[in-house]
Amino acid sequence: MSYALLSVSNKDRILPLASVLHHIHGYTLLSSGGTAAVISEADIPVIKVSDYTGSPEILGGRVKTLHPKVHGGILAKRDDEVHDADREANGIGLIDIVVVNLYPFQETVAKPDVTWDEAIENIDIGGPTMVRSAAKNHKHVSILTNPDQYEEFIQALNSDDLSTLANNSNKKKTTKKPNLTKKAPIKDKDANKSEQISNQKDTKSPEETLALILLH
């Protein structure tokens, strides 16, 4: 059984993608939170991540996908005896496709009436972690991080020609071999957010601190 994991803040065009993945290509869909609700309401079969892992979403949704059954499924090397044994021992399936985009942090802090707590809750943890896991195992896992990539990916999947995407340097992010330099801003933004919050929260107002974070 092959899994596709869909967990997006931007739900645009997610239903056509989910339908093709499940109905045409036979993927079992995993999803969490609002994404799972949208897919389920469209009568597309989907398994909640919490049901798959056996661990409920906790801390008001702060912890949903941070689980070995999720990241083990993304990071596992195919045809590796050690990895296969670990997966079998822990009931971990292979996740071949990761569809994720991050919380709209910059859009949130740009709001004139944003509160400190609202901004903090829009610092994404699970999304960047899944992107990193999929990037590390890009030889085996396809990564989609933007709705603009879905149609091209569907076309490649329908033609069984993902290798074309993987080898075409002009294609961005819809690849088995992503341009890893595109992932650097995630690391930089993580460091900047952490540094700014740590250094400024006691010396500046929340509004001033959030403005500094936004600039990074």
C-alpha atoms as a PDB file:
ATOM      1  CA  MET A   1       0.000   0.000   0.000  1.00  0.00           C
ATOM      2  CA  SER A   2       1.367   3.420  -0.988  1.00  0.00           C
ATOM      3  CA  TYR A   3       0.395   6.578   0.855  1.00  0.00           C
ATOM      4  CA  ALA A   4       0.116  10.210  -0.156  1.00  0.00           C
ATOM      5  CA  LEU A   5       0.160  12.721   2.693  1.00  0.00           C
ATOM      6  CA  LEU A   6      -1.765  15.954   2.174  1.00  0.00           C
ATOM      7  CA  SER A   7      -1.575  18.683   4.805  1.00  0.00           C
ATOM      8  CA  VAL A   8      -2.019  22.205   3.478  1.00  0.00           C
ATOM      9  CA  SER A   9      -2.984  25.622   4.755  1.00  0.00           C
ATOM     10  CA  ASN A  10      -3.917  26.716   1.215  1.00  0.00           C
ATOM     11  CA  LYS A  11      -6.730  24.386   0.116  1.00  0.00           C
ATOM     12  CA  ASP A  12      -6.819  25.739  -3.448  1.00  0.00           C
ATOM     13  CA  ARG A  13      -7.032  22.864  -5.984  1.00  0.00           C
ATOM     14  CA  ILE A  14      -6.404  20.229  -3.318  1.00  0.00           C
ATOM     15  CA  LEU A  15      -9.594  18.287  -4.146  1.00  0.00           C
ATOM     16  CA  PRO A  16      -8.788  17.549  -7.810  1.00  0.00           C
ATOM     17  CA  LEU A  17      -5.331  16.427  -6.744  1.00  0.00           C
ATOM     18  CA  ALA A  18      -6.692  14.225  -3.976  1.00  0.00           C
ATOM     19  CA  SER A  19      -9.242  12.687  -6.332  1.00  0.00           C
ATOM     20  CA  VAL A  20      -6.639  11.824  -8.958  1.00  0.00           C
ATOM     21  CA  LEU A  21      -4.222  10.405  -6.415  1.00  0.00           C
ATOM     22  CA  HIS A  22      -6.851   8.149  -4.897  1.00  0.00           C
ATOM     23  CA  HIS A  23      -9.295   7.282  -7.679  1.00  0.00           C
ATOM     24  CA  ILE A  24      -6.884   7.120 -10.612  1.00  0.00           C
ATOM     25  CA  HIS A  25      -3.619   6.039  -9.055  1.00  0.00           C
ATOM     26  CA  GLY A  26      -4.799   4.129  -6.014  1.00  0.00           C
ATOM     27  CA  TYR A  27      -2.971   6.029  -3.308  1.00  0.00           C
ATOM     28  CA  THR A  28      -4.275   5.820   0.222  1.00  0.00           C
ATOM     29  CA  LEU A  29      -4.657   9.390   1.416  1.00  0.00           C
ATOM     30  CA  LEU A  30      -3.424  10.558   4.797  1.00  0.00           C
ATOM     31  CA  SER A  31      -4.366  13.974   6.069  1.00  0.00           C
ATOM     32  CA  SER A  32      -4.815  16.026   9.201  1.00  0.00           C
ATOM     33  CA  GLY A  33      -6.882  18.865  10.581  1.00  0.00           C
ATOM     34  CA  GLY A  34      -8.759  21.043   8.133  1.00  0.00           C
ATOM     35  CA  THR A  35      -7.311  19.341   5.065  1.00  0.00           C
ATOM     36  CA  ALA A  36      -8.746  15.995   6.129  1.00  0.00           C
ATOM     37  CA  ALA A  37     -12.129  17.624   6.727  1.00  0.00           C
ATOM     38  CA  VAL A  38     -12.210  19.215   3.260  1.00  0.00           C
ATOM     39  CA  ILE A  39     -11.246  15.956   1.542  1.00  0.00           C
ATOM     40  CA  SER A  40     -13.733  13.922   3.558  1.00  0.00           C
ATOM     41  CA  GLU A  41     -16.575  16.362   2.866  1.00  0.00           C
ATOM     42  CA  ALA A  42     -15.933  15.834  -0.853  1.00  0.00           C
ATOM     43  CA  ASP A  43     -16.535  12.087  -0.359  1.00  0.00           C
ATOM     44  CA  ILE A  44     -12.932  11.235  -1.161  1.00  0.00           C
ATOM     45  CA  PRO A  45     -11.680   8.476   1.160  1.00  0.00           C
ATOM     46  CA  VAL A  46      -9.048   9.777   3.551  1.00  0.00           C
ATOM     47  CA  ILE A  47      -7.442   8.488   6.731  1.00  0.00           C
ATOM     48  CA  LYS A  48      -6.763  10.994   9.464  1.00  0.00           C
ATOM     49  CA  VAL A  49      -3.136  11.067  10.500  1.00  0.00           C
ATOM     50  CA  SER A  50      -4.244  10.580  14.108  1.00  0.00           C
ATOM     51  CA  ASP A  51      -6.041   7.354  13.165  1.00  0.00           C
ATOM     52  CA  TYR A  52      -3.039   6.141  11.173  1.00  0.00           C
ATOM     53  CA  THR A  53      -0.522   6.849  13.926  1.00  0.00           C
ATOM     54  CA  GLY A  54      -2.778   5.945  16.841  1.00  0.00           C
ATOM     55  CA  SER A  55      -1.856   9.260  18.445  1.00  0.00           C
ATOM     56  CA  PRO A  56      -4.439  12.038  18.677  1.00  0.00           C
ATOM     57  CA  GLU A  57      -3.818  15.597  17.621  1.00  0.00           C
ATOM     58  CA  ILE A  58      -2.790  17.347  20.822  1.00  0.00           C
ATOM     59  CA  LEU A  59      -1.943  20.741  22.266  1.00  0.00           C
ATOM     60  CA  GLY A  60      -4.634  22.497  20.281  1.00  0.00           C
ATOM     61  CA  GLY A  61      -3.308  21.137  16.996  1.00  0.00           C
ATOM     62  CA  ARG A  62       0.330  22.021  17.615  1.00  0.00           C
ATOM     63  CA  VAL A  63       1.263  18.332  17.359  1.00  0.00           C
ATOM     64  CA  LYS A  64      -0.357  16.456  14.476  1.00  0.00           C
ATOM     65  CA  THR A  65       2.206  14.990  12.090  1.00  0.00           C
ATOM     66  CA  LEU A  66       5.276  14.802  14.330  1.00  0.00           C
ATOM     67  CA  HIS A  67       5.297  11.024  14.638  1.00  0.00           C
ATOM     68  CA  PRO A  68       7.639   8.154  13.615  1.00  0.00           C
ATOM     69  CA  LYS A  69       4.908   6.575  11.469  1.00  0.00           C
ATOM     70  CA  VAL A  70       4.767   9.771   9.439  1.00  0.00           C
ATOM     71  CA  HIS A  71       8.441  10.636   9.183  1.00  0.00           C
ATOM     72  CA  GLY A  72       9.532   7.016   9.052  1.00  0.00           C
ATOM     73  CA  GLY A  73       7.258   6.564   6.046  1.00  0.00           C
ATOM     74  CA  ILE A  74       8.751   9.593   4.336  1.00  0.00           C
ATOM     75  CA  LEU A  75      12.393   8.975   5.215  1.00  0.00           C
ATOM     76  CA  ALA A  76      12.590   5.211   4.671  1.00  0.00           C
ATOM     77  CA  LYS A  77      14.886   4.118   1.865  1.00  0.00           C
ATOM     78  CA  ARG A  78      13.263   1.720  -0.550  1.00  0.00           C
ATOM     79  CA  ASP A  79      14.871  -1.725  -0.926  1.00  0.00           C
ATOM     80  CA  ASP A  80      16.959  -1.204   2.195  1.00  0.00           C
ATOM     81  CA  GLU A  81      16.813  -4.283   4.412  1.00  0.00           C
ATOM     82  CA  VAL A  82      17.432  -2.385   7.638  1.00  0.00           C
ATOM     83  CA  HIS A  83      14.831   0.246   6.850  1.00  0.00           C
ATOM     84  CA  ASP A  84      12.352  -2.401   5.708  1.00  0.00           C
ATOM     85  CA  ALA A  85      12.831  -4.318   8.948  1.00  0.00           C
ATOM     86  CA  ASP A  86      12.333  -1.199  11.050  1.00  0.00           C
ATOM     87  CA  ARG A  87       9.188  -0.289   9.137  1.00  0.00           C
ATOM     88  CA  GLU A  88       7.742  -3.774   9.470  1.00  0.00           C
ATOM     89  CA  ALA A  89       8.493  -3.875  13.191  1.00  0.00           C
ATOM     90  CA  ASN A  90       6.785  -0.532  13.756  1.00  0.00           C
ATOM     91  CA  GLY A  91       3.870  -0.763  11.304  1.00  0.00           C
ATOM     92  CA  ILE A  92       5.165   2.043   9.098  1.00  0.00           C
ATOM     93  CA  GLY A  93       3.886   2.332   5.528  1.00  0.00           C
ATOM     94  CA  LEU A  94       5.676   4.067   2.685  1.00  0.00           C
ATOM     95  CA  ILE A  95       4.660   7.651   2.001  1.00  0.00           C
ATOM     96  CA  ASP A  96       5.499   8.351  -1.647  1.00  0.00           C
ATOM     97  CA  ILE A  97       3.984  11.815  -2.055  1.00  0.00           C
ATOM     98  CA  VAL A  98       4.041  14.741   0.368  1.00  0.00           C
ATOM     99  CA  VAL A  99       1.757  17.697  -0.348  1.00  0.00           C
ATOM    100  CA  VAL A 100       2.306  20.469   2.158  1.00  0.00           C
ATOM    101  CA  ASN A 101       2.404  24.232   2.384  1.00  0.00           C
ATOM    102  CA  LEU A 102       3.200  26.293   5.414  1.00  0.00           C
ATOM    103  CA  TYR A 103       1.093  28.387   7.730  1.00  0.00           C
ATOM    104  CA  PRO A 104       0.674  31.928   6.350  1.00  0.00           C
ATOM    105  CA  PHE A 105       3.016  33.521   8.868  1.00  0.00           C
ATOM    106  CA  GLN A 106       3.978  36.604   6.880  1.00  0.00           C
ATOM    107  CA  GLU A 107       0.391  37.276   5.863  1.00  0.00           C
ATOM    108  CA  THR A 108      -0.678  36.932   9.491  1.00  0.00           C
ATOM    109  CA  VAL A 109       1.860  39.349  10.958  1.00  0.00           C
ATOM    110  CA  ALA A 110       1.111  41.848   8.190  1.00  0.00           C
ATOM    111  CA  LYS A 111      -2.395  42.311   9.588  1.00  0.00           C
ATOM    112  CA  PRO A 112      -2.639  45.614  11.471  1.00  0.00           C
ATOM    113  CA  ASP A 113      -4.664  44.050  14.277  1.00  0.00           C
ATOM    114  CA  VAL A 114      -2.628  40.849  14.702  1.00  0.00           C
ATOM    115  CA  THR A 115      -2.008  39.763  18.267  1.00  0.00           C
ATOM    116  CA  TRP A 116       1.210  38.300  19.605  1.00  0.00           C
ATOM    117  CA  ASP A 117      -0.451  34.954  20.344  1.00  0.00           C
ATOM    118  CA  GLU A 118      -1.976  34.751  16.865  1.00  0.00           C
ATOM    119  CA  ALA A 119       1.401  35.358  15.262  1.00  0.00           C
ATOM    120  CA  ILE A 120       3.127  32.765  17.420  1.00  0.00           C
ATOM    121  CA  GLU A 121       0.542  30.120  16.520  1.00  0.00           C
ATOM    122  CA  ASN A 122       1.287  30.734  12.830  1.00  0.00           C
ATOM    123  CA  ILE A 123       4.896  29.644  13.166  1.00  0.00           C
ATOM    124  CA  ASP A 124       4.738  26.304  11.390  1.00  0.00           C
ATOM    125  CA  ILE A 125       6.507  23.280  12.882  1.00  0.00           C
ATOM    126  CA  GLY A 126       5.075  20.194  11.201  1.00  0.00           C
ATOM    127  CA  GLY A 127       5.093  21.582   7.659  1.00  0.00           C
ATOM    128  CA  PRO A 128       8.798  22.476   7.410  1.00  0.00           C
ATOM    129  CA  THR A 129       9.672  19.210   9.121  1.00  0.00           C
ATOM    130  CA  MET A 130       7.825  17.185   6.478  1.00  0.00           C
ATOM    131  CA  VAL A 131       9.391  19.245   3.692  1.00  0.00           C
ATOM    132  CA  ARG A 132      12.837  18.533   5.104  1.00  0.00           C
ATOM    133  CA  SER A 133      12.111  14.833   5.463  1.00  0.00           C
ATOM    134  CA  ALA A 134      10.822  14.589   1.899  1.00  0.00           C
ATOM    135  CA  ALA A 135      13.762  16.598   0.575  1.00  0.00           C
ATOM    136  CA  LYS A 136      16.221  14.317   2.328  1.00  0.00           C
ATOM    137  CA  ASN A 137      14.577  11.297   0.708  1.00  0.00           C
ATOM    138  CA  HIS A 138      13.879  12.997  -2.625  1.00  0.00           C
ATOM    139  CA  LYS A 139      15.105   9.942  -4.501  1.00  0.00           C
ATOM    140  CA  HIS A 140      11.941   8.148  -3.440  1.00  0.00           C
ATOM    141  CA  VAL A 141       9.462  10.844  -2.424  1.00  0.00           C
ATOM    142  CA  SER A 142       7.726  13.508  -4.518  1.00  0.00           C
ATOM    143  CA  ILE A 143       7.211  16.907  -2.895  1.00  0.00           C
ATOM    144  CA  LEU A 144       4.512  19.450  -3.746  1.00  0.00           C
ATOM    145  CA  THR A 145       4.523  22.745  -1.862  1.00  0.00           C
ATOM    146  CA  ASN A 146       2.361  24.995  -4.031  1.00  0.00           C
ATOM    147  CA  PRO A 147      -1.011  24.548  -5.788  1.00  0.00           C
ATOM    148  CA  ASP A 148       0.575  25.812  -8.998  1.00  0.00           C
ATOM    149  CA  GLN A 149       2.532  22.547  -9.149  1.00  0.00           C
ATOM    150  CA  TYR A 150      -0.447  20.190  -8.968  1.00  0.00           C
ATOM    151  CA  GLU A 151      -1.520  20.129 -12.602  1.00  0.00           C
ATOM    152  CA  GLU A 152       1.964  19.499 -13.946  1.00  0.00           C
ATOM    153  CA  PHE A 153       2.494  16.763 -11.398  1.00  0.00           C
ATOM    154  CA  ILE A 154      -0.829  15.125 -12.287  1.00  0.00           C
ATOM    155  CA  GLN A 155       0.105  15.149 -15.955  1.00  0.00           C
ATOM    156  CA  ALA A 156       3.443  13.529 -15.210  1.00  0.00           C
ATOM    157  CA  LEU A 157       1.800  10.972 -12.951  1.00  0.00           C
ATOM    158  CA  ASN A 158      -0.847  10.144 -15.541  1.00  0.00           C
ATOM    159  CA  SER A 159       1.830   9.599 -18.175  1.00  0.00           C
ATOM    160  CA  ASP A 160       4.008   7.627 -15.750  1.00  0.00           C
ATOM    161  CA  ASP A 161       6.773  10.088 -16.509  1.00  0.00           C
ATOM    162  CA  LEU A 162       7.900  11.480 -13.164  1.00  0.00           C
ATOM    163  CA  SER A 163      11.472  10.908 -14.306  1.00  0.00           C
ATOM    164  CA  THR A 164      11.013  13.756 -16.762  1.00  0.00           C
ATOM    165  CA  LEU A 165      10.234  16.119 -13.928  1.00  0.00           C
ATOM    166  CA  ALA A 166      13.101  14.771 -11.885  1.00  0.00           C
ATOM    167  CA  ASN A 167      15.602  15.378 -14.649  1.00  0.00           C
ATOM    168  CA  ASN A 168      14.346  18.696 -15.972  1.00  0.00           C
ATOM    169  CA  SER A 169      16.197  21.482 -14.253  1.00  0.00           C
ATOM    170  CA  ASN A 170      13.654  24.007 -15.486  1.00  0.00           C
ATOM    171  CA  LYS A 171      10.916  22.390 -13.391  1.00  0.00           C
ATOM    172  CA  LYS A 172      10.813  23.695  -9.863  1.00  0.00           C
ATOM    173  CA  LYS A 173       9.672  21.806  -6.782  1.00  0.00           C
ATOM    174  CA  THR A 174       7.491  19.267  -8.601  1.00  0.00           C
ATOM    175  CA  THR A 175      10.482  16.984  -8.673  1.00  0.00           C
ATOM    176  CA  LYS A 176      11.867  13.844  -7.198  1.00  0.00           C
ATOM    177  CA  LYS A 177      15.168  15.720  -7.012  1.00  0.00           C
ATOM    178  CA  PRO A 178      14.206  19.162  -5.744  1.00  0.00           C
ATOM    179  CA  ASN A 179      16.375  22.217  -6.006  1.00  0.00           C
ATOM    180  CA  LEU A 180      17.568  22.054  -2.423  1.00  0.00           C
ATOM    181  CA  THR A 181      18.768  25.638  -2.534  1.00  0.00           C
ATOM    182  CA  LYS A 182      15.091  26.563  -2.478  1.00  0.00           C
ATOM    183  CA  LYS A 183      14.861  25.031   0.988  1.00  0.00           C
ATOM    184  CA  ALA A 184      17.523  27.330   2.459  1.00  0.00           C
ATOM    185  CA  PRO A 185      15.050  30.159   3.203  1.00  0.00           C
ATOM    186  CA  ILE A 186      13.180  27.805   5.548  1.00  0.00           C
ATOM    187  CA  LYS A 187      16.314  27.405   7.612  1.00  0.00           C
ATOM    188  CA  ASP A 188      17.076  31.119   7.479  1.00  0.00           C
ATOM    189  CA  LYS A 189      13.538  32.102   8.449  1.00  0.00           C
ATOM    190  CA  ASP A 190      13.570  29.613  11.333  1.00  0.00           C
ATOM    191  CA  ALA A 191      16.777  31.135  12.672  1.00  0.00           C
ATOM    192  CA  ASN A 192      15.558  34.686  12.217  1.00  0.00           C
ATOM    193  CA  LYS A 193      12.211  34.040  13.905  1.00  0.00           C
ATOM    194  CA  SER A 194      13.882  32.340  16.850  1.00  0.00           C
ATOM    195  CA  GLU A 195      16.525  35.034  17.222  1.00  0.00           C
ATOM    196  CA  GLN A 196      14.111  37.926  16.885  1.00  0.00           C
ATOM    197  CA  ILE A 197      11.611  36.502  19.328  1.00  0.00           C
ATOM    198  CA  SER A 198      14.333  35.661  21.826  1.00  0.00           C
ATOM    199  CA  ASN A 199      16.101  39.007  21.593  1.00  0.00           C
ATOM    200  CA  GLN A 200      13.162  41.348  21.241  1.00  0.00           C
ATOM    201  CA  LYS A 201      10.232  40.004  23.205  1.00  0.00           C
ATOM    202  CA  ASP A 202      11.335  41.589  26.484  1.00  0.00           C
ATOM    203  CA  THR A 203      12.608  44.888  25.060  1.00  0.00           C
ATOM    204  CA  LYS A 204      10.072  45.786  22.395  1.00  0.00           C
ATOM    205  CA  SER A 205       6.330  45.716  22.055  1.00  0.00           C
ATOM    206  CA  PRO A 206       4.755  42.709  20.291  1.00  0.00           C
ATOM    207  CA  GLU A 207       3.992  44.923  17.303  1.00  0.00           C
ATOM    208  CA  GLU A 208       7.620  46.044  16.998  1.00  0.00           C
ATOM    209  CA  THR A 209       8.879  42.490  17.399  1.00  0.00           C
ATOM    210  CA  LEU A 210       6.485  41.131  14.776  1.00  0.00           C
ATOM    211  CA  ALA A 211       7.549  43.864  12.367  1.00  0.00           C
ATOM    212  CA  LEU A 212      11.146  42.769  12.787  1.00  0.00           C
ATOM    213  CA  ILE A 213      10.230  39.136  12.212  1.00  0.00           C
ATOM    214  CA  LEU A 214       8.235  40.057   9.118  1.00  0.00           C
ATOM    215  CA  LEU A 215      11.270  41.774   7.603  1.00  0.00           C
ATOM    216  CA  HIS A 216      13.073  38.460   7.752  1.00  0.00           C
END
